[in-house]
Amino acid sequence: MAEDDSDLRRAFVGMLEHLGHNVVCAVANGAELLDLCFQQKVDVVLVDLDMPEIDGLEAAEQIVAKGIPVVLISGHPDADEMVLEYEPVVTRVLKPPTLDSLQRAIEHALSHTH
């Protein structure tokens, strides 16, 4: 997962682990995510929309090209208006997430694995 805010990143990792998921990498930007994501087996990737170096959508394009589903994380005011059919993500989670919204997004992403 990639989230540039370290407090939010820790919160997401805690929530994911509480839900029973194994977090194999938690990084601060899209460049780090791409470096680490392709070095290990990953079932789904959660990526923040606004990040330094490589933003979430740019990272998502490269991740999806490897057959890994991507969940977009965003606190951006218009994130819920984004038309997902035109983006390289399966679904999105709005900040602040709930355990339920996070789990539903992950299940939805995993059901769309190619």
PDB file of N, CA and C in Angstrom:
ATOM      1  N   MET A   1       0.829  -1.164   0.000  1.00  0.00           N
ATOM      2  CA  MET A   1       0.000   0.000   0.000  1.00  0.00           C
ATOM      3  C   MET A   1       0.871   1.223   0.000  1.00  0.00           C
ATOM      4  N   ALA A   2       0.379   2.292  -0.595  1.00  0.00           N
ATOM      5  CA  ALA A   2       1.132   3.539  -0.655  1.00  0.00           C
ATOM      6  C   ALA A   2       0.256   4.688  -0.157  1.00  0.00           C
ATOM      7  N   GLU A   3       0.790   5.417   0.809  1.00  0.00           N
ATOM      8  CA  GLU A   3       0.122   6.585   1.391  1.00  0.00           C
ATOM      9  C   GLU A   3       1.233   7.503   1.875  1.00  0.00           C
ATOM     10  N   ASP A   4       1.239   8.749   1.416  1.00  0.00           N
ATOM     11  CA  ASP A   4       2.345   9.637   1.751  1.00  0.00           C
ATOM     12  C   ASP A   4       2.298  10.185   3.179  1.00  0.00           C
ATOM     13  N   ASP A   5       1.142  10.177   3.808  1.00  0.00           N
ATOM     14  CA  ASP A   5       1.029  10.632   5.200  1.00  0.00           C
ATOM     15  C   ASP A   5       1.367   9.456   6.126  1.00  0.00           C
ATOM     16  N   SER A   6       2.450   9.591   6.886  1.00  0.00           N
ATOM     17  CA  SER A   6       2.927   8.457   7.692  1.00  0.00           C
ATOM     18  C   SER A   6       1.915   8.015   8.752  1.00  0.00           C
ATOM     19  N   ASP A   7       1.184   8.955   9.353  1.00  0.00           N
ATOM     20  CA  ASP A   7       0.173   8.573  10.346  1.00  0.00           C
ATOM     21  C   ASP A   7      -0.963   7.785   9.699  1.00  0.00           C
ATOM     22  N   LEU A   8      -1.424   8.258   8.549  1.00  0.00           N
ATOM     23  CA  LEU A   8      -2.481   7.537   7.837  1.00  0.00           C
ATOM     24  C   LEU A   8      -1.991   6.171   7.358  1.00  0.00           C
ATOM     25  N   ARG A   9      -0.736   6.133   6.898  1.00  0.00           N
ATOM     26  CA  ARG A   9      -0.177   4.855   6.441  1.00  0.00           C
ATOM     27  C   ARG A   9      -0.186   3.838   7.583  1.00  0.00           C
ATOM     28  N   ARG A  10       0.256   4.265   8.780  1.00  0.00           N
ATOM     29  CA  ARG A  10       0.231   3.362   9.937  1.00  0.00           C
ATOM     30  C   ARG A  10      -1.196   2.949  10.274  1.00  0.00           C
ATOM     31  N   ALA A  11      -2.137   3.887  10.180  1.00  0.00           N
ATOM     32  CA  ALA A  11      -3.542   3.565  10.473  1.00  0.00           C
ATOM     33  C   ALA A  11      -4.082   2.539   9.485  1.00  0.00           C
ATOM     34  N   PHE A  12      -3.771   2.727   8.200  1.00  0.00           N
ATOM     35  CA  PHE A  12      -4.224   1.765   7.186  1.00  0.00           C
ATOM     36  C   PHE A  12      -3.630   0.387   7.438  1.00  0.00           C
ATOM     37  N   VAL A  13      -2.347   0.338   7.731  1.00  0.00           N
ATOM     38  CA  VAL A  13      -1.703  -0.950   8.005  1.00  0.00           C
ATOM     39  C   VAL A  13      -2.372  -1.623   9.196  1.00  0.00           C
ATOM     40  N   GLY A  14      -2.634  -0.861  10.260  1.00  0.00           N
ATOM     41  CA  GLY A  14      -3.307  -1.421  11.437  1.00  0.00           C
ATOM     42  C   GLY A  14      -4.687  -1.954  11.102  1.00  0.00           C
ATOM     43  N   MET A  15      -5.435  -1.205  10.302  1.00  0.00           N
ATOM     44  CA  MET A  15      -6.776  -1.648   9.914  1.00  0.00           C
ATOM     45  C   MET A  15      -6.708  -2.909   9.066  1.00  0.00           C
ATOM     46  N   LEU A  16      -5.793  -2.927   8.111  1.00  0.00           N
ATOM     47  CA  LEU A  16      -5.654  -4.095   7.232  1.00  0.00           C
ATOM     48  C   LEU A  16      -5.269  -5.338   8.023  1.00  0.00           C
ATOM     49  N   GLU A  17      -4.331  -5.181   8.947  1.00  0.00           N
ATOM     50  CA  GLU A  17      -3.929  -6.327   9.772  1.00  0.00           C
ATOM     51  C   GLU A  17      -5.070  -6.765  10.682  1.00  0.00           C
ATOM     52  N   HIS A  18      -5.830  -5.810  11.213  1.00  0.00           N
ATOM     53  CA  HIS A  18      -6.988  -6.142  12.050  1.00  0.00           C
ATOM     54  C   HIS A  18      -8.008  -6.966  11.247  1.00  0.00           C
ATOM     55  N   LEU A  19      -8.127  -6.654   9.965  1.00  0.00           N
ATOM     56  CA  LEU A  19      -9.048  -7.390   9.096  1.00  0.00           C
ATOM     57  C   LEU A  19      -8.484  -8.736   8.655  1.00  0.00           C
ATOM     58  N   GLY A  20      -7.237  -9.038   9.053  1.00  0.00           N
ATOM     59  CA  GLY A  20      -6.644 -10.331   8.738  1.00  0.00           C
ATOM     60  C   GLY A  20      -5.799 -10.349   7.478  1.00  0.00           C
ATOM     61  N   HIS A  21      -5.496  -9.183   6.930  1.00  0.00           N
ATOM     62  CA  HIS A  21      -4.689  -9.124   5.715  1.00  0.00           C
ATOM     63  C   HIS A  21      -3.209  -9.007   6.072  1.00  0.00           C
ATOM     64  N   ASN A  22      -2.372  -9.575   5.230  1.00  0.00           N
ATOM     65  CA  ASN A  22      -0.930  -9.490   5.396  1.00  0.00           C
ATOM     66  C   ASN A  22      -0.425  -8.326   4.547  1.00  0.00           C
ATOM     67  N   VAL A  23       0.102  -7.294   5.168  1.00  0.00           N
ATOM     68  CA  VAL A  23       0.616  -6.128   4.449  1.00  0.00           C
ATOM     69  C   VAL A  23       2.089  -6.395   4.125  1.00  0.00           C
ATOM     70  N   VAL A  24       2.397  -6.573   2.846  1.00  0.00           N
ATOM     71  CA  VAL A  24       3.770  -6.908   2.467  1.00  0.00           C
ATOM     72  C   VAL A  24       4.630  -5.672   2.241  1.00  0.00           C
ATOM     73  N   CYS A  25       4.004  -4.530   1.972  1.00  0.00           N
ATOM     74  CA  CYS A  25       4.771  -3.288   1.908  1.00  0.00           C
ATOM     75  C   CYS A  25       3.844  -2.107   2.165  1.00  0.00           C
ATOM     76  N   ALA A  26       4.378  -1.124   2.868  1.00  0.00           N
ATOM     77  CA  ALA A  26       3.669   0.124   3.147  1.00  0.00           C
ATOM     78  C   ALA A  26       4.676   1.236   2.921  1.00  0.00           C
ATOM     79  N   VAL A  27       4.460   2.016   1.867  1.00  0.00           N
ATOM     80  CA  VAL A  27       5.446   2.999   1.432  1.00  0.00           C
ATOM     81  C   VAL A  27       4.833   4.388   1.298  1.00  0.00           C
ATOM     82  N   ALA A  28       5.703   5.387   1.098  1.00  0.00           N
ATOM     83  CA  ALA A  28       5.276   6.777   1.102  1.00  0.00           C
ATOM     84  C   ALA A  28       4.970   7.361  -0.273  1.00  0.00           C
ATOM     85  N   ASN A  29       5.349   6.661  -1.352  1.00  0.00           N
ATOM     86  CA  ASN A  29       5.075   7.226  -2.673  1.00  0.00           C
ATOM     87  C   ASN A  29       4.989   6.132  -3.730  1.00  0.00           C
ATOM     88  N   GLY A  30       4.523   6.535  -4.899  1.00  0.00           N
ATOM     89  CA  GLY A  30       4.316   5.574  -5.974  1.00  0.00           C
ATOM     90  C   GLY A  30       5.583   4.933  -6.486  1.00  0.00           C
ATOM     91  N   ALA A  31       6.699   5.668  -6.473  1.00  0.00           N
ATOM     92  CA  ALA A  31       7.964   5.097  -6.946  1.00  0.00           C
ATOM     93  C   ALA A  31       8.404   3.945  -6.046  1.00  0.00           C
ATOM     94  N   GLU A  32       8.330   4.152  -4.733  1.00  0.00           N
ATOM     95  CA  GLU A  32       8.680   3.075  -3.792  1.00  0.00           C
ATOM     96  C   GLU A  32       7.732   1.897  -3.959  1.00  0.00           C
ATOM     97  N   LEU A  33       6.461   2.189  -4.158  1.00  0.00           N
ATOM     98  CA  LEU A  33       5.471   1.126  -4.331  1.00  0.00           C
ATOM     99  C   LEU A  33       5.815   0.256  -5.534  1.00  0.00           C
ATOM    100  N   LEU A  34       6.136   0.885  -6.653  1.00  0.00           N
ATOM    101  CA  LEU A  34       6.460   0.116  -7.850  1.00  0.00           C
ATOM    102  C   LEU A  34       7.721  -0.711  -7.648  1.00  0.00           C
ATOM    103  N   ASP A  35       8.700  -0.152  -6.963  1.00  0.00           N
ATOM    104  CA  ASP A  35       9.929  -0.904  -6.684  1.00  0.00           C
ATOM    105  C   ASP A  35       9.638  -2.149  -5.849  1.00  0.00           C
ATOM    106  N   LEU A  36       8.851  -1.990  -4.785  1.00  0.00           N
ATOM    107  CA  LEU A  36       8.594  -3.096  -3.855  1.00  0.00           C
ATOM    108  C   LEU A  36       7.498  -4.036  -4.343  1.00  0.00           C
ATOM    109  N   CYS A  37       6.494  -3.486  -4.992  1.00  0.00           N
ATOM    110  CA  CYS A  37       5.329  -4.275  -5.397  1.00  0.00           C
ATOM    111  C   CYS A  37       5.706  -5.400  -6.351  1.00  0.00           C
ATOM    112  N   PHE A  38       6.641  -5.131  -7.233  1.00  0.00           N
ATOM    113  CA  PHE A  38       6.990  -6.129  -8.226  1.00  0.00           C
ATOM    114  C   PHE A  38       8.039  -7.112  -7.731  1.00  0.00           C
ATOM    115  N   GLN A  39       8.510  -6.943  -6.497  1.00  0.00           N
ATOM    116  CA  GLN A  39       9.509  -7.847  -5.944  1.00  0.00           C
ATOM    117  C   GLN A  39       8.898  -8.998  -5.152  1.00  0.00           C
ATOM    118  N   GLN A  40       7.599  -8.954  -4.908  1.00  0.00           N
ATOM    119  CA  GLN A  40       6.956  -9.999  -4.107  1.00  0.00           C
ATOM    120  C   GLN A  40       5.549 -10.268  -4.619  1.00  0.00           C
ATOM    121  N   LYS A  41       4.949 -11.347  -4.122  1.00  0.00           N
ATOM    122  CA  LYS A  41       3.582 -11.681  -4.534  1.00  0.00           C
ATOM    123  C   LYS A  41       2.611 -10.761  -3.807  1.00  0.00           C
ATOM    124  N   VAL A  42       1.787 -10.098  -4.595  1.00  0.00           N
ATOM    125  CA  VAL A  42       0.814  -9.148  -4.063  1.00  0.00           C
ATOM    126  C   VAL A  42      -0.544  -9.490  -4.665  1.00  0.00           C
ATOM    127  N   ASP A  43      -1.571  -9.578  -3.817  1.00  0.00           N
ATOM    128  CA  ASP A  43      -2.915  -9.888  -4.307  1.00  0.00           C
ATOM    129  C   ASP A  43      -3.704  -8.652  -4.704  1.00  0.00           C
ATOM    130  N   VAL A  44      -3.520  -7.565  -3.956  1.00  0.00           N
ATOM    131  CA  VAL A  44      -4.224  -6.313  -4.218  1.00  0.00           C
ATOM    132  C   VAL A  44      -3.364  -5.174  -3.681  1.00  0.00           C
ATOM    133  N   VAL A  45      -3.462  -4.014  -4.329  1.00  0.00           N
ATOM    134  CA  VAL A  45      -2.688  -2.846  -3.910  1.00  0.00           C
ATOM    135  C   VAL A  45      -3.640  -1.708  -3.590  1.00  0.00           C
ATOM    136  N   LEU A  46      -3.387  -1.047  -2.464  1.00  0.00           N
ATOM    137  CA  LEU A  46      -4.113   0.160  -2.098  1.00  0.00           C
ATOM    138  C   LEU A  46      -3.171   1.325  -2.319  1.00  0.00           C
ATOM    139  N   VAL A  47      -3.637   2.333  -3.034  1.00  0.00           N
ATOM    140  CA  VAL A  47      -2.760   3.447  -3.385  1.00  0.00           C
ATOM    141  C   VAL A  47      -3.502   4.773  -3.239  1.00  0.00           C
ATOM    142  N   ASP A  48      -2.829   5.722  -2.577  1.00  0.00           N
ATOM    143  CA  ASP A  48      -3.371   7.064  -2.403  1.00  0.00           C
ATOM    144  C   ASP A  48      -3.335   7.788  -3.750  1.00  0.00           C
ATOM    145  N   LEU A  49      -4.324   8.614  -3.997  1.00  0.00           N
ATOM    146  CA  LEU A  49      -4.399   9.360  -5.256  1.00  0.00           C
ATOM    147  C   LEU A  49      -3.273  10.383  -5.352  1.00  0.00           C
ATOM    148  N   ASP A  50      -3.132  11.230  -4.339  1.00  0.00           N
ATOM    149  CA  ASP A  50      -2.158  12.323  -4.371  1.00  0.00           C
ATOM    150  C   ASP A  50      -0.906  11.949  -3.601  1.00  0.00           C
ATOM    151  N   MET A  51       0.178  11.704  -4.350  1.00  0.00           N
ATOM    152  CA  MET A  51       1.453  11.352  -3.721  1.00  0.00           C
ATOM    153  C   MET A  51       2.588  12.004  -4.496  1.00  0.00           C
ATOM    154  N   PRO A  52       3.727  12.180  -3.829  1.00  0.00           N
ATOM    155  CA  PRO A  52       4.898  12.719  -4.531  1.00  0.00           C
ATOM    156  C   PRO A  52       5.520  11.675  -5.468  1.00  0.00           C
ATOM    157  N   GLU A  53       6.351  12.156  -6.357  1.00  0.00           N
ATOM    158  CA  GLU A  53       7.107  11.352  -7.326  1.00  0.00           C
ATOM    159  C   GLU A  53       6.206  10.713  -8.381  1.00  0.00           C
ATOM    160  N   ILE A  54       5.462   9.694  -8.011  1.00  0.00           N
ATOM    161  CA  ILE A  54       4.513   9.059  -8.937  1.00  0.00           C
ATOM    162  C   ILE A  54       3.166   9.029  -8.225  1.00  0.00           C
ATOM    163  N   ASP A  55       2.149   9.655  -8.835  1.00  0.00           N
ATOM    164  CA  ASP A  55       0.844   9.691  -8.161  1.00  0.00           C
ATOM    165  C   ASP A  55       0.142   8.343  -8.261  1.00  0.00           C
ATOM    166  N   GLY A  56      -0.972   8.230  -7.554  1.00  0.00           N
ATOM    167  CA  GLY A  56      -1.676   6.962  -7.453  1.00  0.00           C
ATOM    168  C   GLY A  56      -2.163   6.401  -8.769  1.00  0.00           C
ATOM    169  N   LEU A  57      -2.679   7.258  -9.648  1.00  0.00           N
ATOM    170  CA  LEU A  57      -3.203   6.755 -10.917  1.00  0.00           C
ATOM    171  C   LEU A  57      -2.079   6.285 -11.839  1.00  0.00           C
ATOM    172  N   GLU A  58      -0.965   7.006 -11.834  1.00  0.00           N
ATOM    173  CA  GLU A  58       0.169   6.592 -12.658  1.00  0.00           C
ATOM    174  C   GLU A  58       0.732   5.254 -12.160  1.00  0.00           C
ATOM    175  N   ALA A  59       0.859   5.115 -10.848  1.00  0.00           N
ATOM    176  CA  ALA A  59       1.326   3.844 -10.278  1.00  0.00           C
ATOM    177  C   ALA A  59       0.332   2.733 -10.584  1.00  0.00           C
ATOM    178  N   ALA A  60      -0.957   3.048 -10.472  1.00  0.00           N
ATOM    179  CA  ALA A  60      -1.997   2.047 -10.723  1.00  0.00           C
ATOM    180  C   ALA A  60      -1.922   1.495 -12.141  1.00  0.00           C
ATOM    181  N   GLU A  61      -1.638   2.342 -13.111  1.00  0.00           N
ATOM    182  CA  GLU A  61      -1.541   1.880 -14.492  1.00  0.00           C
ATOM    183  C   GLU A  61      -0.484   0.785 -14.624  1.00  0.00           C
ATOM    184  N   GLN A  62       0.656   0.994 -13.993  1.00  0.00           N
ATOM    185  CA  GLN A  62       1.738   0.009 -14.085  1.00  0.00           C
ATOM    186  C   GLN A  62       1.422  -1.261 -13.294  1.00  0.00           C
ATOM    187  N   ILE A  63       0.743  -1.118 -12.178  1.00  0.00           N
ATOM    188  CA  ILE A  63       0.395  -2.272 -11.340  1.00  0.00           C
ATOM    189  C   ILE A  63      -0.667  -3.126 -12.025  1.00  0.00           C
ATOM    190  N   VAL A  64      -1.687  -2.472 -12.568  1.00  0.00           N
ATOM    191  CA  VAL A  64      -2.762  -3.181 -13.264  1.00  0.00           C
ATOM    192  C   VAL A  64      -2.216  -3.916 -14.487  1.00  0.00           C
ATOM    193  N   ALA A  65      -1.222  -3.333 -15.137  1.00  0.00           N
ATOM    194  CA  ALA A  65      -0.609  -3.985 -16.299  1.00  0.00           C
ATOM    195  C   ALA A  65       0.018  -5.324 -15.921  1.00  0.00           C
ATOM    196  N   LYS A  66       0.356  -5.514 -14.644  1.00  0.00           N
ATOM    197  CA  LYS A  66       0.908  -6.776 -14.150  1.00  0.00           C
ATOM    198  C   LYS A  66      -0.188  -7.722 -13.656  1.00  0.00           C
ATOM    199  N   GLY A  67      -1.459  -7.308 -13.812  1.00  0.00           N
ATOM    200  CA  GLY A  67      -2.571  -8.166 -13.420  1.00  0.00           C
ATOM    201  C   GLY A  67      -2.956  -8.082 -11.950  1.00  0.00           C
ATOM    202  N   ILE A  68      -2.508  -7.033 -11.270  1.00  0.00           N
ATOM    203  CA  ILE A  68      -2.821  -6.855  -9.842  1.00  0.00           C
ATOM    204  C   ILE A  68      -3.900  -5.789  -9.717  1.00  0.00           C
ATOM    205  N   PRO A  69      -5.018  -6.094  -9.053  1.00  0.00           N
ATOM    206  CA  PRO A  69      -6.069  -5.084  -8.888  1.00  0.00           C
ATOM    207  C   PRO A  69      -5.645  -3.982  -7.918  1.00  0.00           C
ATOM    208  N   VAL A  70      -6.143  -2.774  -8.191  1.00  0.00           N
ATOM    209  CA  VAL A  70      -5.775  -1.608  -7.393  1.00  0.00           C
ATOM    210  C   VAL A  70      -7.016  -0.943  -6.815  1.00  0.00           C
ATOM    211  N   VAL A  71      -6.917  -0.616  -5.508  1.00  0.00           N
ATOM    212  CA  VAL A  71      -7.948   0.157  -4.815  1.00  0.00           C
ATOM    213  C   VAL A  71      -7.370   1.550  -4.602  1.00  0.00           C
ATOM    214  N   LEU A  72      -8.083   2.549  -5.057  1.00  0.00           N
ATOM    215  CA  LEU A  72      -7.660   3.933  -4.887  1.00  0.00           C
ATOM    216  C   LEU A  72      -8.130   4.452  -3.537  1.00  0.00           C
ATOM    217  N   ILE A  73      -7.225   5.129  -2.827  1.00  0.00           N
ATOM    218  CA  ILE A  73      -7.550   5.754  -1.547  1.00  0.00           C
ATOM    219  C   ILE A  73      -7.508   7.256  -1.776  1.00  0.00           C
ATOM    220  N   SER A  74      -8.547   7.962  -1.355  1.00  0.00           N
ATOM    221  CA  SER A  74      -8.503   9.406  -1.568  1.00  0.00           C
ATOM    222  C   SER A  74      -9.342  10.164  -0.551  1.00  0.00           C
ATOM    223  N   GLY A  75      -8.823  11.315  -0.190  1.00  0.00           N
ATOM    224  CA  GLY A  75      -9.572  12.254   0.622  1.00  0.00           C
ATOM    225  C   GLY A  75      -9.949  13.461  -0.216  1.00  0.00           C
ATOM    226  N   HIS A  76      -9.658  13.380  -1.515  1.00  0.00           N
ATOM    227  CA  HIS A  76      -9.955  14.481  -2.436  1.00  0.00           C
ATOM    228  C   HIS A  76     -11.464  14.684  -2.511  1.00  0.00           C
ATOM    229  N   PRO A  77     -11.924  15.920  -2.469  1.00  0.00           N
ATOM    230  CA  PRO A  77     -13.374  16.189  -2.451  1.00  0.00           C
ATOM    231  C   PRO A  77     -14.145  15.604  -3.631  1.00  0.00           C
ATOM    232  N   ASP A  78     -13.531  15.518  -4.830  1.00  0.00           N
ATOM    233  CA  ASP A  78     -14.282  14.971  -5.971  1.00  0.00           C
ATOM    234  C   ASP A  78     -13.959  13.509  -6.249  1.00  0.00           C
ATOM    235  N   ALA A  79     -13.283  12.827  -5.355  1.00  0.00           N
ATOM    236  CA  ALA A  79     -12.899  11.428  -5.611  1.00  0.00           C
ATOM    237  C   ALA A  79     -14.112  10.541  -5.856  1.00  0.00           C
ATOM    238  N   ASP A  80     -15.220  10.829  -5.192  1.00  0.00           N
ATOM    239  CA  ASP A  80     -16.405   9.986  -5.388  1.00  0.00           C
ATOM    240  C   ASP A  80     -17.077  10.246  -6.724  1.00  0.00           C
ATOM    241  N   GLU A  81     -16.658  11.298  -7.433  1.00  0.00           N
ATOM    242  CA  GLU A  81     -17.218  11.594  -8.752  1.00  0.00           C
ATOM    243  C   GLU A  81     -16.371  11.020  -9.881  1.00  0.00           C
ATOM    244  N   MET A  82     -15.210  10.462  -9.536  1.00  0.00           N
ATOM    245  CA  MET A  82     -14.320   9.889 -10.544  1.00  0.00           C
ATOM    246  C   MET A  82     -15.005   8.692 -11.203  1.00  0.00           C
ATOM    247  N   VAL A  83     -14.985   8.665 -12.511  1.00  0.00           N
ATOM    248  CA  VAL A  83     -15.593   7.569 -13.261  1.00  0.00           C
ATOM    249  C   VAL A  83     -14.553   6.450 -13.365  1.00  0.00           C
ATOM    250  N   LEU A  84     -14.759   5.404 -12.574  1.00  0.00           N
ATOM    251  CA  LEU A  84     -13.758   4.353 -12.458  1.00  0.00           C
ATOM    252  C   LEU A  84     -13.524   3.590 -13.757  1.00  0.00           C
ATOM    253  N   GLU A  85     -14.514   3.558 -14.649  1.00  0.00           N
ATOM    254  CA  GLU A  85     -14.339   2.834 -15.909  1.00  0.00           C
ATOM    255  C   GLU A  85     -13.202   3.424 -16.740  1.00  0.00           C
ATOM    256  N   TYR A  86     -12.874   4.693 -16.498  1.00  0.00           N
ATOM    257  CA  TYR A  86     -11.819   5.360 -17.263  1.00  0.00           C
ATOM    258  C   TYR A  86     -10.498   5.412 -16.512  1.00  0.00           C
ATOM    259  N   GLU A  87     -10.444   4.785 -15.359  1.00  0.00           N
ATOM    260  CA  GLU A  87      -9.242   4.824 -14.536  1.00  0.00           C
ATOM    261  C   GLU A  87      -8.718   3.405 -14.323  1.00  0.00           C
ATOM    262  N   PRO A  88      -7.420   3.277 -14.003  1.00  0.00           N
ATOM    263  CA  PRO A  88      -6.825   1.950 -13.813  1.00  0.00           C
ATOM    264  C   PRO A  88      -7.036   1.390 -12.406  1.00  0.00           C
ATOM    265  N   VAL A  89      -8.202   1.631 -11.835  1.00  0.00           N
ATOM    266  CA  VAL A  89      -8.497   1.133 -10.493  1.00  0.00           C
ATOM    267  C   VAL A  89      -9.822   0.396 -10.520  1.00  0.00           C
ATOM    268  N   VAL A  90      -9.980  -0.555  -9.615  1.00  0.00           N
ATOM    269  CA  VAL A  90     -11.210  -1.338  -9.552  1.00  0.00           C
ATOM    270  C   VAL A  90     -12.268  -0.615  -8.736  1.00  0.00           C
ATOM    271  N   THR A  91     -11.834  -0.032  -7.622  1.00  0.00           N
ATOM    272  CA  THR A  91     -12.762   0.664  -6.732  1.00  0.00           C
ATOM    273  C   THR A  91     -11.976   1.684  -5.921  1.00  0.00           C
ATOM    274  N   ARG A  92     -12.683   2.387  -5.051  1.00  0.00           N
ATOM    275  CA  ARG A  92     -12.010   3.408  -4.241  1.00  0.00           C
ATOM    276  C   ARG A  92     -12.509   3.353  -2.810  1.00  0.00           C
ATOM    277  N   VAL A  93     -11.691   3.884  -1.923  1.00  0.00           N
ATOM    278  CA  VAL A  93     -12.045   4.049  -0.514  1.00  0.00           C
ATOM    279  C   VAL A  93     -11.821   5.514  -0.194  1.00  0.00           C
ATOM    280  N   LEU A  94     -12.845   6.150   0.346  1.00  0.00           N
ATOM    281  CA  LEU A  94     -12.709   7.555   0.714  1.00  0.00           C
ATOM    282  C   LEU A  94     -12.162   7.673   2.127  1.00  0.00           C
ATOM    283  N   LYS A  95     -11.306   8.661   2.345  1.00  0.00           N
ATOM    284  CA  LYS A  95     -10.761   8.928   3.681  1.00  0.00           C
ATOM    285  C   LYS A  95     -11.767   9.750   4.461  1.00  0.00           C
ATOM    286  N   PRO A  96     -11.925   9.526   5.713  1.00  0.00           N
ATOM    287  CA  PRO A  96     -11.326   8.449   6.492  1.00  0.00           C
ATOM    288  C   PRO A  96     -12.097   7.139   6.258  1.00  0.00           C
ATOM    289  N   PRO A  97     -11.368   6.044   6.119  1.00  0.00           N
ATOM    290  CA  PRO A  97     -12.029   4.768   5.847  1.00  0.00           C
ATOM    291  C   PRO A  97     -12.607   4.152   7.126  1.00  0.00           C
ATOM    292  N   THR A  98     -13.535   3.259   6.936  1.00  0.00           N
ATOM    293  CA  THR A  98     -14.015   2.427   8.044  1.00  0.00           C
ATOM    294  C   THR A  98     -13.495   1.019   7.769  1.00  0.00           C
ATOM    295  N   LEU A  99     -13.501   0.172   8.771  1.00  0.00           N
ATOM    296  CA  LEU A  99     -13.101  -1.222   8.550  1.00  0.00           C
ATOM    297  C   LEU A  99     -13.982  -1.851   7.477  1.00  0.00           C
ATOM    298  N   ASP A 100     -15.274  -1.553   7.541  1.00  0.00           N
ATOM    299  CA  ASP A 100     -16.217  -2.128   6.588  1.00  0.00           C
ATOM    300  C   ASP A 100     -15.939  -1.643   5.166  1.00  0.00           C
ATOM    301  N   SER A 101     -15.722  -0.338   4.976  1.00  0.00           N
ATOM    302  CA  SER A 101     -15.479   0.167   3.621  1.00  0.00           C
ATOM    303  C   SER A 101     -14.174  -0.382   3.057  1.00  0.00           C
ATOM    304  N   LEU A 102     -13.186  -0.538   3.912  1.00  0.00           N
ATOM    305  CA  LEU A 102     -11.903  -1.089   3.488  1.00  0.00           C
ATOM    306  C   LEU A 102     -12.045  -2.557   3.082  1.00  0.00           C
ATOM    307  N   GLN A 103     -12.721  -3.341   3.893  1.00  0.00           N
ATOM    308  CA  GLN A 103     -12.909  -4.761   3.587  1.00  0.00           C
ATOM    309  C   GLN A 103     -13.736  -4.947   2.311  1.00  0.00           C
ATOM    310  N   ARG A 104     -14.804  -4.157   2.161  1.00  0.00           N
ATOM    311  CA  ARG A 104     -15.633  -4.265   0.952  1.00  0.00           C
ATOM    312  C   ARG A 104     -14.830  -3.935  -0.298  1.00  0.00           C
ATOM    313  N   ALA A 105     -13.989  -2.904  -0.221  1.00  0.00           N
ATOM    314  CA  ALA A 105     -13.176  -2.512  -1.375  1.00  0.00           C
ATOM    315  C   ALA A 105     -12.189  -3.620  -1.741  1.00  0.00           C
ATOM    316  N   ILE A 106     -11.567  -4.222  -0.745  1.00  0.00           N
ATOM    317  CA  ILE A 106     -10.601  -5.298  -0.998  1.00  0.00           C
ATOM    318  C   ILE A 106     -11.310  -6.505  -1.610  1.00  0.00           C
ATOM    319  N   GLU A 107     -12.449  -6.887  -1.056  1.00  0.00           N
ATOM    320  CA  GLU A 107     -13.201  -8.026  -1.604  1.00  0.00           C
ATOM    321  C   GLU A 107     -13.623  -7.745  -3.042  1.00  0.00           C
ATOM    322  N   HIS A 108     -14.070  -6.525  -3.311  1.00  0.00           N
ATOM    323  CA  HIS A 108     -14.471  -6.148  -4.660  1.00  0.00           C
ATOM    324  C   HIS A 108     -13.275  -6.237  -5.622  1.00  0.00           C
ATOM    325  N   ALA A 109     -12.127  -5.726  -5.174  1.00  0.00           N
ATOM    326  CA  ALA A 109     -10.925  -5.767  -6.008  1.00  0.00           C
ATOM    327  C   ALA A 109     -10.499  -7.198  -6.292  1.00  0.00           C
ATOM    328  N   LEU A 110     -10.517  -8.034  -5.276  1.00  0.00           N
ATOM    329  CA  LEU A 110     -10.101  -9.433  -5.454  1.00  0.00           C
ATOM    330  C   LEU A 110     -11.057 -10.192  -6.382  1.00  0.00           C
ATOM    331  N   SER A 111     -12.320  -9.820  -6.375  1.00  0.00           N
ATOM    332  CA  SER A 111     -13.289 -10.493  -7.250  1.00  0.00           C
ATOM    333  C   SER A 111     -13.100 -10.071  -8.712  1.00  0.00           C
ATOM    334  N   HIS A 112     -12.317  -9.020  -8.945  1.00  0.00           N
ATOM    335  CA  HIS A 112     -12.061  -8.552 -10.305  1.00  0.00           C
ATOM    336  C   HIS A 112     -10.647  -8.876 -10.785  1.00  0.00           C
ATOM    337  N   THR A 113      -9.995  -9.802 -10.118  1.00  0.00           N
ATOM    338  CA  THR A 113      -8.655 -10.210 -10.525  1.00  0.00           C
ATOM    339  C   THR A 113      -8.748 -10.956 -11.839  1.00  0.00           C
ATOM    340  N   HIS A 114      -7.850 -10.620 -12.751  1.00  0.00           N
ATOM    341  CA  HIS A 114      -7.857 -11.278 -14.066  1.00  0.00           C
ATOM    342  C   HIS A 114      -6.923 -12.453 -14.079  1.00  0.00           C
TER     343      HIS A 114
END
